[in-house]
Protein backbone atom coordinates (compact mmCIF):
# COMPACT_ATOMS: atom_id res chain seq x y z
CA UNK A 1 59.90 -190.51 -1.72
CA UNK A 2 56.93 -188.41 -0.35
CA UNK A 3 58.66 -185.21 -1.50
CA UNK A 4 59.07 -186.61 -5.00
CA UNK A 5 55.41 -187.71 -5.04
CA UNK A 6 54.26 -184.26 -3.89
CA UNK A 7 56.30 -182.58 -6.64
CA UNK A 8 54.86 -184.91 -9.23
CA UNK A 9 51.34 -184.12 -8.02
CA UNK A 10 52.00 -180.37 -7.97
CA UNK A 11 53.52 -180.41 -11.48
CA UNK A 12 50.60 -182.47 -12.66
CA UNK A 13 48.14 -179.88 -11.42
CA UNK A 14 49.87 -177.31 -13.57
CA UNK A 15 50.37 -179.36 -16.72
CA UNK A 16 47.22 -181.45 -17.04
CA UNK A 17 44.66 -179.98 -19.39
CA UNK A 18 41.83 -178.59 -17.32
CA UNK A 19 38.08 -178.77 -17.51
CA UNK A 20 36.45 -177.61 -20.68
CA UNK A 21 32.96 -177.93 -19.24
CA UNK A 22 32.01 -175.61 -16.32
CA UNK A 23 31.56 -177.52 -13.10
CA UNK A 24 28.03 -178.32 -11.99
CA UNK A 25 27.65 -176.64 -8.64
CA UNK A 26 25.15 -176.57 -5.84
CA UNK A 27 22.95 -173.43 -6.22
CA UNK A 28 24.46 -172.16 -2.97
CA UNK A 29 27.86 -171.93 -4.69
CA UNK A 30 27.84 -169.15 -7.27
CA UNK A 31 29.98 -169.42 -10.43
CA UNK A 32 33.25 -167.45 -10.40
CA UNK A 33 33.83 -164.57 -12.79
CA UNK A 34 35.67 -165.13 -16.09
CA UNK A 35 39.43 -164.80 -15.96
CA UNK A 36 39.56 -165.07 -12.20
CA UNK A 37 42.56 -167.47 -12.11
CA UNK A 38 44.84 -164.87 -13.76
CA UNK A 39 44.12 -162.35 -11.01
CA UNK A 40 44.38 -164.88 -8.20
CA UNK A 41 47.17 -164.70 -5.67
CA UNK A 42 49.12 -167.93 -5.01
CA UNK A 43 47.88 -168.10 -1.42
CA UNK A 44 44.29 -168.04 -2.70
CA UNK A 45 44.75 -171.24 -4.68
CA UNK A 46 43.78 -174.65 -3.37
CA UNK A 47 46.91 -176.65 -2.67
CA UNK A 48 47.21 -180.41 -2.93
CA UNK A 49 49.14 -181.71 0.07
CA UNK A 50 48.95 -185.43 -0.57
CA UNK A 51 47.26 -188.09 -2.65
CA UNK A 52 48.12 -191.70 -3.33
CA UNK A 53 47.16 -191.36 -7.00
CA UNK A 54 46.33 -188.69 -9.53
CA UNK A 55 44.03 -189.61 -12.39
CA UNK A 56 42.24 -188.22 -15.41
CA UNK A 57 39.49 -190.04 -17.30
CA UNK A 58 37.56 -188.47 -20.22
CA UNK A 59 34.55 -190.55 -19.15
CA UNK A 60 34.68 -189.37 -15.58
CA UNK A 61 34.16 -185.95 -14.01
CA UNK A 62 33.95 -184.32 -17.48
CA UNK A 63 37.59 -185.15 -18.05
CA UNK A 64 38.84 -183.22 -15.01
CA UNK A 65 41.70 -184.60 -13.00
CA UNK A 66 40.99 -186.19 -9.67
CA UNK A 67 43.00 -187.54 -6.77
CA UNK A 68 42.45 -190.72 -4.82
CA UNK A 69 43.77 -192.34 -1.67
CA UNK A 70 44.33 -190.33 1.53
CA UNK A 71 43.85 -187.05 -0.29
CA UNK A 72 44.72 -183.87 1.61
CA UNK A 73 44.26 -180.36 0.32
CA UNK A 74 44.86 -177.03 2.03
CA UNK A 75 43.33 -173.60 1.65
CA UNK A 76 44.32 -170.67 3.86
CA UNK A 77 45.02 -172.84 6.86
CA UNK A 78 42.05 -175.20 6.56
CA UNK A 79 42.71 -178.85 5.71
CA UNK A 80 40.32 -181.02 3.70
CA UNK A 81 40.84 -184.78 3.59
CA UNK A 82 38.86 -187.34 1.59
CA UNK A 83 39.04 -190.65 -0.25
CA UNK A 84 38.70 -188.86 -3.57
CA UNK A 85 38.96 -185.22 -4.64
CA UNK A 86 38.13 -183.66 -8.01
CA UNK A 87 40.05 -180.45 -8.66
CA UNK A 88 38.63 -177.81 -10.99
CA UNK A 89 41.83 -175.85 -11.10
CA UNK A 90 40.75 -172.94 -13.30
CA UNK A 91 37.73 -172.29 -11.10
CA UNK A 92 39.64 -172.96 -7.87
CA UNK A 93 36.88 -175.40 -6.94
CA UNK A 94 36.97 -178.92 -5.50
CA UNK A 95 34.62 -181.82 -4.97
CA UNK A 96 35.51 -184.27 -2.21
CA UNK A 97 33.99 -187.75 -2.07
CA UNK A 98 34.08 -190.37 0.69
CA UNK A 99 35.10 -189.87 4.35
CA UNK A 100 35.47 -186.13 3.86
CA UNK A 101 36.79 -184.07 6.74
CA UNK A 102 37.35 -180.30 6.89
CA UNK A 103 39.55 -179.01 9.71
CA UNK A 104 39.12 -175.23 10.08
CA UNK A 105 41.53 -172.80 11.69
CA UNK A 106 39.03 -171.94 14.46
CA UNK A 107 39.09 -175.54 15.70
CA UNK A 108 35.77 -176.58 14.16
CA UNK A 109 35.61 -179.80 12.16
CA UNK A 110 33.11 -180.88 9.49
CA UNK A 111 32.80 -184.51 8.42
CA UNK A 112 30.50 -185.80 5.68
CA UNK A 113 30.06 -188.29 2.87
CA UNK A 114 30.92 -185.65 0.27
CA UNK A 115 31.72 -181.95 0.02
CA UNK A 116 31.93 -179.13 -2.51
CA UNK A 117 34.17 -176.15 -1.85
CA UNK A 118 34.67 -172.90 -3.76
CA UNK A 119 38.01 -171.46 -2.71
CA UNK A 120 37.22 -168.10 -4.32
CA UNK A 121 34.16 -167.43 -2.16
CA UNK A 122 35.28 -169.78 0.63
CA UNK A 123 31.82 -171.32 0.66
CA UNK A 124 31.12 -175.02 0.79
CA UNK A 125 28.40 -177.65 0.91
CA UNK A 126 28.63 -180.91 2.85
CA UNK A 127 26.24 -183.81 2.27
CA UNK A 128 25.43 -187.25 3.69
CA UNK A 129 25.74 -187.79 7.45
CA UNK A 130 27.20 -184.35 8.04
CA UNK A 131 28.68 -183.63 11.48
CA UNK A 132 30.02 -180.22 12.53
CA UNK A 133 31.99 -180.28 15.77
CA UNK A 134 33.47 -177.40 17.70
CA UNK A 135 34.47 -177.07 21.36
CA UNK A 136 30.92 -176.08 22.36
CA UNK A 137 28.62 -178.42 20.44
CA UNK A 138 28.00 -180.93 17.67
CA UNK A 139 25.63 -180.40 14.74
CA UNK A 140 24.33 -183.34 12.70
CA UNK A 141 22.36 -182.97 9.46
CA UNK A 142 22.04 -184.32 5.89
CA UNK A 143 23.16 -181.16 4.09
CA UNK A 144 25.24 -178.35 5.60
CA UNK A 145 26.10 -175.08 3.90
CA UNK A 146 29.07 -173.21 5.31
CA UNK A 147 30.77 -169.88 4.71
CA UNK A 148 34.35 -169.60 5.97
CA UNK A 149 34.54 -165.83 5.47
CA UNK A 150 31.44 -165.16 7.55
CA UNK A 151 32.28 -168.22 9.66
CA UNK A 152 28.72 -169.50 9.47
CA UNK A 153 27.09 -172.87 8.90
CA UNK A 154 23.52 -173.42 7.73
CA UNK A 155 21.12 -176.34 7.26
CA UNK A 156 17.51 -176.50 6.06
CA UNK A 157 16.78 -180.22 5.84
CA UNK A 158 16.54 -180.83 9.57
CA UNK A 159 19.33 -181.26 12.07
CA UNK A 160 20.28 -181.98 15.66
CA UNK A 161 22.57 -180.02 17.96
CA UNK A 162 24.03 -181.44 21.15
CA UNK A 163 26.32 -179.91 23.75
CA UNK A 164 26.75 -182.87 26.07
CA UNK A 165 23.71 -181.97 28.18
CA UNK A 166 21.03 -180.68 25.83
CA UNK A 167 19.88 -181.96 22.45
CA UNK A 168 18.20 -179.65 19.94
CA UNK A 169 16.13 -180.58 16.89
CA UNK A 170 15.23 -178.06 14.18
CA UNK A 171 14.16 -177.89 10.55
CA UNK A 172 16.41 -174.93 9.75
CA UNK A 173 19.46 -173.67 11.57
CA UNK A 174 22.22 -171.08 11.14
CA UNK A 175 25.31 -171.39 13.32
CA UNK A 176 27.50 -168.31 13.81
CA UNK A 177 30.83 -169.83 14.84
CA UNK A 178 32.42 -166.54 15.95
CA UNK A 179 29.73 -165.78 18.52
CA UNK A 180 28.67 -169.42 19.08
CA UNK A 181 25.05 -168.43 18.41
CA UNK A 182 22.70 -170.77 16.57
CA UNK A 183 19.49 -169.39 15.03
CA UNK A 184 16.87 -172.15 14.71
CA UNK A 185 13.50 -172.09 12.93
CA UNK A 186 10.81 -174.57 12.00
CA UNK A 187 9.51 -176.91 14.73
CA UNK A 188 12.43 -176.33 17.08
CA UNK A 189 12.70 -178.73 20.00
CA UNK A 190 15.31 -178.61 22.78
CA UNK A 191 15.56 -181.46 25.26
CA UNK A 192 17.34 -180.78 28.55
CA UNK A 193 17.58 -183.26 31.43
CA UNK A 194 14.55 -181.63 33.12
CA UNK A 195 12.63 -179.78 30.40
CA UNK A 196 11.48 -179.81 26.77
CA UNK A 197 11.51 -176.49 24.90
CA UNK A 198 9.48 -176.17 21.70
CA UNK A 199 8.90 -173.20 19.40
CA UNK A 200 9.11 -171.88 15.83
CA UNK A 201 12.20 -169.68 16.29
CA UNK A 202 14.84 -170.03 19.00
CA UNK A 203 18.30 -168.46 19.18
CA UNK A 204 20.84 -170.16 21.42
CA UNK A 205 24.13 -168.70 22.61
CA UNK A 206 26.40 -171.63 23.35
CA UNK A 207 28.82 -169.46 25.32
CA UNK A 208 26.30 -167.91 27.69
CA UNK A 209 23.75 -170.76 27.51
CA UNK A 210 21.00 -168.22 26.85
CA UNK A 211 18.10 -168.88 24.47
CA UNK A 212 15.88 -166.20 22.90
CA UNK A 213 12.34 -167.08 21.81
CA UNK A 214 10.32 -165.48 19.02
CA UNK A 215 6.90 -166.98 18.40
CA UNK A 216 4.69 -169.37 20.41
CA UNK A 217 7.13 -171.30 22.62
CA UNK A 218 6.67 -173.72 25.51
CA UNK A 219 9.01 -174.98 28.23
CA UNK A 220 7.55 -178.17 29.67
CA UNK A 221 8.66 -180.10 32.74
CA UNK A 222 9.48 -183.74 32.04
CA UNK A 223 8.57 -184.88 35.54
CA UNK A 224 5.26 -182.97 35.59
CA UNK A 225 4.14 -181.91 32.08
CA UNK A 226 1.33 -179.80 33.56
CA UNK A 227 4.00 -177.42 34.88
CA UNK A 228 5.07 -175.41 31.86
CA UNK A 229 5.83 -171.95 30.48
CA UNK A 230 4.26 -170.41 27.38
CA UNK A 231 5.44 -167.23 25.70
CA UNK A 232 5.56 -165.59 22.30
CA UNK A 233 8.72 -163.63 23.05
CA UNK A 234 11.24 -164.19 25.80
CA UNK A 235 14.69 -165.16 27.02
CA UNK A 236 15.69 -168.31 28.87
CA UNK A 237 18.90 -168.98 30.81
CA UNK A 238 19.56 -172.68 30.31
CA UNK A 239 21.94 -173.08 33.27
CA UNK A 240 20.06 -171.11 35.94
CA UNK A 241 16.62 -172.09 34.56
CA UNK A 242 15.44 -168.47 34.57
CA UNK A 243 12.83 -167.25 32.09
CA UNK A 244 12.17 -163.62 31.11
CA UNK A 245 8.88 -163.34 29.20
CA UNK A 246 7.57 -160.27 27.38
CA UNK A 247 4.64 -161.21 25.11
CA UNK A 248 1.41 -163.18 25.67
CA UNK A 249 3.08 -165.24 28.38
CA UNK A 250 1.72 -167.75 30.86
CA UNK A 251 3.26 -169.80 33.66
CA UNK A 252 1.46 -173.03 34.54
CA UNK A 253 2.30 -174.39 38.00
CA UNK A 254 0.51 -176.42 40.67
CA UNK A 255 -2.67 -176.37 38.55
CA UNK A 256 -2.58 -172.55 38.52
CA UNK A 257 -1.88 -170.08 35.70
CA UNK A 258 0.00 -166.76 36.01
CA UNK A 259 -0.18 -164.26 33.14
CA UNK A 260 1.15 -160.73 32.71
CA UNK A 261 2.73 -158.24 30.32
CA UNK A 262 6.29 -158.79 31.58
CA UNK A 263 7.13 -161.89 33.56
CA UNK A 264 10.04 -163.62 35.30
CA UNK A 265 10.21 -167.19 36.53
CA UNK A 266 12.94 -169.27 38.20
CA UNK A 267 12.27 -172.97 37.70
CA UNK A 268 14.77 -173.97 40.40
CA UNK A 269 13.43 -171.79 43.24
CA UNK A 270 9.85 -171.73 41.96
CA UNK A 271 9.69 -167.94 42.33
CA UNK A 272 7.95 -165.91 39.65
CA UNK A 273 6.70 -162.36 39.20
CA UNK A 274 4.64 -160.43 36.67
CA UNK A 275 3.86 -156.78 35.95
CA UNK A 276 1.25 -155.01 33.85
CA UNK A 277 -2.07 -156.76 33.35
CA UNK A 278 -1.47 -159.60 35.80
CA UNK A 279 -3.88 -162.49 36.38
CA UNK A 280 -3.45 -165.50 38.65
CA UNK A 281 -6.04 -168.11 37.74
CA UNK A 282 -6.82 -171.12 39.93
CA UNK A 283 -9.33 -173.24 37.95
CA UNK A 284 -9.50 -175.88 40.67
CA UNK A 285 -10.64 -173.32 43.23
CA UNK A 286 -12.67 -171.47 40.60
CA UNK A 287 -10.94 -168.27 41.62
CA UNK A 288 -8.76 -165.70 39.90
CA UNK A 289 -6.84 -162.65 41.12
CA UNK A 290 -6.01 -159.59 39.02
CA UNK A 291 -3.67 -156.68 39.65
CA UNK A 292 -0.72 -154.64 38.40
CA UNK A 293 2.02 -156.68 40.10
CA UNK A 294 2.08 -160.28 41.27
CA UNK A 295 4.47 -162.82 42.76
CA UNK A 296 4.20 -166.60 43.03
CA UNK A 297 6.07 -169.01 45.28
CA UNK A 298 5.59 -172.45 43.75
CA UNK A 299 7.22 -174.48 46.53
CA UNK A 300 5.19 -172.72 49.23
CA UNK A 301 2.10 -172.86 47.00
CA UNK A 302 1.39 -169.20 47.69
CA UNK A 303 0.99 -166.00 45.70
CA UNK A 304 0.73 -162.26 46.28
CA UNK A 305 -0.91 -159.49 44.23
CA UNK A 306 -0.61 -155.69 44.60
CA UNK A 307 -1.29 -152.52 42.58
CA UNK A 308 -5.09 -152.33 42.67
CA UNK A 309 -5.65 -156.06 43.07
CA UNK A 310 -9.00 -157.80 43.22
CA UNK A 311 -10.05 -161.43 43.41
CA UNK A 312 -13.13 -163.24 42.14
CA UNK A 313 -14.39 -166.50 43.63
CA UNK A 314 -16.51 -167.81 40.77
CA UNK A 315 -19.71 -169.54 41.84
CA UNK A 316 -22.53 -170.92 39.75
CA UNK A 317 -25.19 -168.77 41.39
CA UNK A 318 -23.43 -165.78 42.87
CA UNK A 319 -19.69 -165.01 42.73
CA UNK A 320 -17.75 -163.30 45.54
CA UNK A 321 -15.47 -160.33 44.81
CA UNK A 322 -12.57 -159.18 47.02
CA UNK A 323 -10.33 -156.11 46.83
CA UNK A 324 -7.62 -154.54 49.00
CA UNK A 325 -4.16 -153.00 48.77
CA UNK A 326 -2.66 -156.49 48.88
CA UNK A 327 -4.16 -159.94 48.27
CA UNK A 328 -2.41 -163.23 48.97
CA UNK A 329 -3.52 -166.80 48.32
CA UNK A 330 -1.99 -169.98 49.67
CA UNK A 331 -2.64 -173.63 50.42
CA UNK A 332 -1.89 -175.56 53.61
CA UNK A 333 -2.36 -179.23 54.58
CA UNK A 334 -5.50 -180.06 56.51
CA UNK A 335 -4.69 -180.57 60.20
CA UNK A 336 -6.83 -183.73 60.18
CA UNK A 337 -5.45 -185.15 56.93
CA UNK A 338 -2.13 -183.83 55.60
CA UNK A 339 -2.86 -185.33 52.18
CA UNK A 340 -5.72 -182.86 51.78
CA UNK A 341 -4.89 -179.22 51.07
CA UNK A 342 -7.04 -176.29 52.08
CA UNK A 343 -7.09 -173.04 50.13
CA UNK A 344 -6.98 -169.60 51.74
CA UNK A 345 -7.37 -166.04 50.49
CA UNK A 346 -6.34 -162.96 52.48
CA UNK A 347 -6.94 -159.30 51.69
CA UNK A 348 -4.87 -156.70 53.57
CA UNK A 349 -5.50 -152.99 54.17
CA UNK A 350 -8.84 -151.44 53.23
CA UNK A 351 -10.33 -154.79 52.28
CA UNK A 352 -13.68 -154.89 50.49
CA UNK A 353 -16.03 -157.72 49.59
CA UNK A 354 -19.04 -157.93 47.30
CA UNK A 355 -21.71 -160.59 46.95
CA UNK A 356 -25.18 -159.87 45.61
CA UNK A 357 -26.75 -160.40 49.05
CA UNK A 358 -23.81 -159.30 51.23
CA UNK A 359 -21.23 -156.54 50.95
CA UNK A 360 -18.58 -155.59 53.42
CA UNK A 361 -15.50 -153.62 54.40
CA UNK A 362 -12.75 -154.18 56.97
CA UNK A 363 -9.07 -153.48 57.44
CA UNK A 364 -8.36 -157.10 56.47
CA UNK A 365 -10.28 -160.18 55.39
CA UNK A 366 -9.22 -163.84 55.65
CA UNK A 367 -11.22 -166.42 53.71
CA UNK A 368 -10.93 -170.19 54.12
CA UNK A 369 -12.21 -171.18 50.68
CA UNK A 370 -12.28 -174.90 51.42
CA UNK A 371 -14.41 -174.68 54.56
CA UNK A 372 -16.29 -171.53 53.57
CA UNK A 373 -15.27 -169.44 56.61
CA UNK A 374 -14.48 -165.74 56.28
CA UNK A 375 -12.95 -163.54 59.00
CA UNK A 376 -13.22 -159.74 58.90
CA UNK A 377 -10.79 -157.88 61.18
CA UNK A 378 -10.64 -154.28 62.46
CA UNK A 379 -13.71 -152.07 62.00
CA UNK A 380 -15.67 -154.58 59.93
CA UNK A 381 -19.00 -153.59 58.44
CA UNK A 382 -21.34 -155.88 56.53
CA UNK A 383 -24.45 -154.91 54.60
CA UNK A 384 -27.24 -157.24 53.56
CA UNK A 385 -30.27 -155.70 51.93
CA UNK A 386 -31.33 -152.80 54.15
CA UNK A 387 -29.50 -154.25 57.14
CA UNK A 388 -26.08 -153.44 58.51
CA UNK A 389 -23.88 -155.37 60.94
CA UNK A 390 -20.74 -154.05 62.65
CA UNK A 391 -18.44 -155.18 65.44
CA UNK A 392 -14.84 -155.64 66.48
CA UNK A 393 -14.63 -158.83 64.40
CA UNK A 394 -17.06 -160.57 62.04
CA UNK A 395 -16.98 -164.22 61.01
CA UNK A 396 -19.11 -165.33 58.05
CA UNK A 397 -19.93 -168.99 57.45
CA UNK A 398 -20.81 -170.12 53.92
CA UNK A 399 -22.58 -173.29 52.86
CA UNK A 400 -20.01 -174.75 50.46
CA UNK A 401 -22.70 -176.72 48.61
CA UNK A 402 -25.32 -174.01 48.09
CA UNK A 403 -22.68 -171.22 48.05
CA UNK A 404 -24.92 -169.11 50.31
CA UNK A 405 -24.11 -167.43 53.63
CA UNK A 406 -25.46 -169.51 56.50
CA UNK A 407 -24.60 -167.33 59.46
CA UNK A 408 -22.46 -164.59 60.97
CA UNK A 409 -20.67 -164.32 64.29
CA UNK A 410 -19.99 -160.82 65.54
CA UNK A 411 -17.43 -160.69 68.33
CA UNK A 412 -17.16 -157.53 70.44
CA UNK A 413 -19.39 -154.44 70.19
CA UNK A 414 -21.87 -156.28 67.98
CA UNK A 415 -24.40 -153.94 66.41
CA UNK A 416 -27.13 -154.73 63.88
CA UNK A 417 -29.26 -152.04 62.23
CA UNK A 418 -32.29 -152.56 60.01
CA UNK A 419 -34.17 -149.88 58.07
CA UNK A 420 -37.80 -149.97 59.17
CA UNK A 421 -39.16 -149.16 55.72
CA UNK A 422 -36.73 -149.35 52.83
CA UNK A 423 -39.19 -147.57 50.54
CA UNK A 424 -39.16 -144.33 52.50
CA UNK A 425 -36.55 -141.87 53.64
CA UNK A 426 -37.87 -141.75 57.18
CA UNK A 427 -35.20 -141.68 59.84
CA UNK A 428 -36.44 -144.91 61.42
CA UNK A 429 -34.11 -147.83 62.22
CA UNK A 430 -34.53 -150.98 64.28
CA UNK A 431 -31.39 -151.68 66.30
CA UNK A 432 -29.99 -154.48 68.42
CA UNK A 433 -26.58 -154.58 70.05
CA UNK A 434 -24.47 -156.41 72.62
CA UNK A 435 -21.10 -158.01 73.28
CA UNK A 436 -21.62 -160.97 70.95
CA UNK A 437 -24.08 -161.67 68.18
CA UNK A 438 -24.95 -164.63 65.98
CA UNK A 439 -26.86 -163.80 62.81
CA UNK A 440 -28.69 -166.46 60.82
CA UNK A 441 -29.55 -166.21 57.13
CA UNK A 442 -32.56 -167.58 55.33
CA UNK A 443 -32.97 -167.36 51.56
CA UNK A 444 -29.92 -165.10 51.27
CA UNK A 445 -31.22 -162.55 53.76
CA UNK A 446 -30.72 -161.93 57.47
CA UNK A 447 -33.54 -163.67 59.31
CA UNK A 448 -32.64 -164.02 62.96
CA UNK A 449 -30.14 -162.73 65.50
CA UNK A 450 -29.13 -163.86 68.96
CA UNK A 451 -27.34 -161.27 71.08
CA UNK A 452 -25.45 -162.20 74.25
CA UNK A 453 -24.02 -159.86 76.88
CA UNK A 454 -25.46 -156.43 77.70
CA UNK A 455 -28.00 -156.95 74.96
CA UNK A 456 -30.05 -153.88 74.03
CA UNK A 457 -32.59 -153.14 71.35
CA UNK A 458 -34.61 -150.28 69.92
CA UNK A 459 -37.59 -151.59 67.96
CA UNK A 460 -40.35 -149.74 66.16
CA UNK A 461 -43.68 -151.43 66.91
CA UNK A 462 -46.58 -151.47 64.47
CA UNK A 463 -50.02 -153.00 64.54
CA UNK A 464 -52.49 -153.62 61.73
CA UNK A 465 -55.53 -151.40 61.56
CA UNK A 466 -58.54 -153.72 61.39
CA UNK A 467 -60.44 -151.43 59.07
CA UNK A 468 -57.75 -150.21 56.66
CA UNK A 469 -55.55 -153.31 57.01
CA UNK A 470 -52.57 -150.98 57.00
CA UNK A 471 -49.80 -150.90 59.59
CA UNK A 472 -50.30 -148.40 62.33
CA UNK A 473 -47.46 -147.16 64.48
CA UNK A 474 -47.84 -148.01 68.15
CA UNK A 475 -44.51 -146.78 69.41
CA UNK A 476 -40.94 -147.84 70.16
CA UNK A 477 -39.85 -150.63 72.48
CA UNK A 478 -36.60 -150.21 74.41
CA UNK A 479 -35.20 -153.46 75.79
CA UNK A 480 -32.22 -154.34 77.95
CA UNK A 481 -31.49 -158.04 78.58
CA UNK A 482 -28.68 -160.48 79.15
CA UNK A 483 -29.69 -162.33 75.97
CA UNK A 484 -31.94 -161.12 73.17
CA UNK A 485 -33.43 -163.23 70.41
CA UNK A 486 -34.56 -161.12 67.46
CA UNK A 487 -36.45 -162.01 64.29
CA UNK A 488 -36.01 -159.83 61.20
CA UNK A 489 -39.19 -159.58 59.18
CA UNK A 490 -40.01 -157.60 56.06
CA UNK A 491 -40.71 -154.32 57.84
CA UNK A 492 -40.02 -155.12 61.46
CA UNK A 493 -37.58 -156.41 64.00
CA UNK A 494 -39.45 -158.64 66.41
CA UNK A 495 -37.95 -159.39 69.80
CA UNK A 496 -38.91 -163.01 70.34
CA UNK A 497 -37.02 -163.46 73.59
CA UNK A 498 -35.47 -161.26 76.23
CA UNK A 499 -33.96 -163.09 79.19
CA UNK A 500 -31.59 -162.57 82.12
CA UNK A 501 -32.26 -159.25 83.77
CA UNK A 502 -34.93 -158.39 81.24
CA UNK A 503 -36.23 -154.85 81.14
CA UNK A 504 -38.49 -153.92 78.26
CA UNK A 505 -40.81 -150.92 77.82
CA UNK A 506 -42.85 -149.65 74.91
CA UNK A 507 -43.28 -145.91 74.50
CA UNK A 508 -45.74 -144.16 72.22
CA UNK A 509 -44.13 -141.92 69.63
CA UNK A 510 -45.33 -138.92 71.58
CA UNK A 511 -43.41 -140.01 74.66
CA UNK A 512 -39.96 -140.74 73.22
CA UNK A 513 -37.74 -137.97 72.00
CA UNK A 514 -35.71 -138.43 68.75
CA UNK A 515 -32.40 -138.66 70.65
CA UNK A 516 -33.57 -141.86 72.40
CA UNK A 517 -34.56 -143.51 69.12
CA UNK A 518 -30.92 -144.30 68.31
CA UNK A 519 -28.08 -145.70 70.36
CA UNK A 520 -25.20 -143.26 70.93
CA UNK A 521 -22.90 -145.34 68.69
CA UNK A 522 -25.44 -145.54 65.86
CA UNK A 523 -23.36 -145.69 62.64
CA UNK A 524 -25.59 -146.28 59.61
CA UNK A 525 -23.19 -145.87 56.65
CA UNK A 526 -24.44 -145.15 53.13
CA UNK A 527 -21.39 -143.22 51.90
CA UNK A 528 -19.07 -146.25 51.82
CA UNK A 529 -21.67 -148.87 50.98
CA UNK A 530 -20.73 -151.20 48.09
CA UNK A 531 -23.73 -151.52 45.76
CA UNK A 532 -22.15 -153.17 42.71
CA UNK A 533 -19.01 -155.27 42.32
CA UNK A 534 -17.14 -152.49 40.51
CA UNK A 535 -17.38 -150.41 43.72
CA UNK A 536 -14.71 -152.60 45.31
CA UNK A 537 -12.14 -151.32 42.78
CA UNK A 538 -11.82 -148.07 44.75
CA UNK A 539 -11.26 -147.52 48.45
CA UNK A 540 -14.75 -146.06 48.75
CA UNK A 541 -17.46 -145.45 46.15
CA UNK A 542 -17.99 -142.16 48.01
CA UNK A 543 -21.73 -142.29 47.58
CA UNK A 544 -23.78 -139.23 48.28
CA UNK A 545 -25.01 -139.45 51.85
CA UNK A 546 -28.70 -140.27 52.05
CA UNK A 547 -30.56 -137.60 53.97
CA UNK A 548 -33.31 -139.13 56.10
CA UNK A 549 -36.29 -137.19 57.40
CA UNK A 550 -36.94 -137.38 61.11
CA UNK A 551 -40.61 -137.89 62.05
CA UNK A 552 -41.03 -136.14 65.40
CA UNK A 553 -44.43 -134.59 64.78
CA UNK A 554 -46.25 -136.51 67.52
CA UNK A 555 -43.49 -135.94 70.03
CA UNK A 556 -43.30 -132.25 69.14
CA UNK A 557 -47.09 -131.88 69.56
CA UNK A 558 -47.00 -133.70 72.86
CA UNK A 559 -44.05 -131.65 73.99
CA UNK A 560 -45.82 -128.46 72.93
CA UNK A 561 -48.91 -129.51 74.83
CA UNK A 562 -46.80 -130.16 77.90
CA UNK A 563 -45.07 -126.84 77.51
CA UNK A 564 -48.42 -125.08 77.04
CA UNK A 565 -49.82 -126.76 80.13
CA UNK A 566 -46.78 -125.74 82.11
CA UNK A 567 -47.21 -122.20 80.89
CA UNK A 568 -50.85 -122.18 82.01
CA UNK A 569 -49.95 -123.51 85.42
CA UNK A 570 -47.23 -120.93 85.67
CA UNK A 571 -49.71 -118.20 84.74
CA UNK A 572 -52.10 -119.26 87.50
CA UNK A 573 -49.50 -118.78 90.17
CA UNK A 574 -49.86 -115.46 92.07
CA UNK A 575 -47.41 -112.82 91.01
CA UNK A 576 -45.47 -110.99 93.58
CA UNK A 577 -45.61 -107.24 93.06
CA UNK A 578 -43.09 -104.86 94.55
CA UNK A 579 -44.30 -101.66 95.94
């Protein structure tokens, strides 16, 4: 009976008079050329497989025949089923209405409320609750345009794509079924179990689970929305949660921001790296680090910067600048309260520091930003005004409220030097040294020092002339004590205490030779001194050495007088004459 019905339907398709009026098509479906049916091969024609009824009504469908009830048609291996199908036989074109379903040879299926299909171009349009399903994903939209030759599907009225794990929303989308790539534009949003991805243009490969971004795009954590990625061009591996970012990119994590020219970030491990113009900004600590290469370790809350790195601790009054071959920053729980985290900054190899009232160098510097404690290791040197402090190790203590240096501790071979008169180039320096030294600041300048252990000092002593009211040089005081207390004044170093085995003598300038006016390890350094913050960007500013003029006139006169007197005495001695 079915065979007879099929033959009747097939004969009917050949014998019924066909459409006189050209079919009204969707603009996506171009009209066929005239006379096309005569040149058409049999396999190119749409074939009716089954229908419960075949009808023709002059008042309906412009008089074209149509089929109703479990309609099935076939075209080059694809099967279209519907409640009702209108066949425009001369144009090889069909309209399907009600419960339409297109089964393609590649395994993909399209269901919709209605469809149009041009068998000549193998293009179609599906409308009303459209669903495209293939082994990799499901696309839902109101209108879907598809091209069987190119094996593409397209929507521009908004649609959703789901693959069982992720759901994607987009205004416009093109799906390439051969490669399983979907090109999405217009307010694209991808929801994964852990993240939300949003951008204007995203390409997804459903085979590799890789997404390519073009335009301002964000990847935001659902559990902590402050942790997110921003880029204007990049690639994202959906399964491994790896991001490769190449344009105007930023990684937001733990209230910090990493930027760079080329960046990589693994959301699972929390490891990220950046090259080019790299910046790690920590707004909470008011500190940023710059360099040519940087790495972050989110779970350890640490970071590392190399390739000419420098860090800036931003302060309201006076910022602090650090530089070295490598800079790391990290946070650790407070030993007294594990809920509180302390921030640390470390600079390794040829470390430099600049603050308007203090500049320094050391092999390495460790700075506890929370407590305001800075450690300088291996050959540290610190300048403050016309004063210089050196030692085996220097510890600087900052007032975290006023942001000023409160004090220094110099441990081992402590040595402080102060220029007697900063306005002249005289080779005159006050000096104090010992095993340990504590230096106290007042109004951002060194004010007082306490030296313990083999304390020694060389101090130039002046007095005020009562008539001229000008300072007059008395001489130099050499002191050796167990403990020295020294007070730094504008032009002088005043020894205010000298205890435990005290030995102190003042010599007039005529009685002390230039060699005794400096300690053997005197090391006043102007070549490497950092005078502006940009100086930290190089290992050494390599300043021209300042040439100081030694004032030994009085000593030389006194020495000459002594020598002359000796010569006179020698001349008075009787000469022995040989006969």
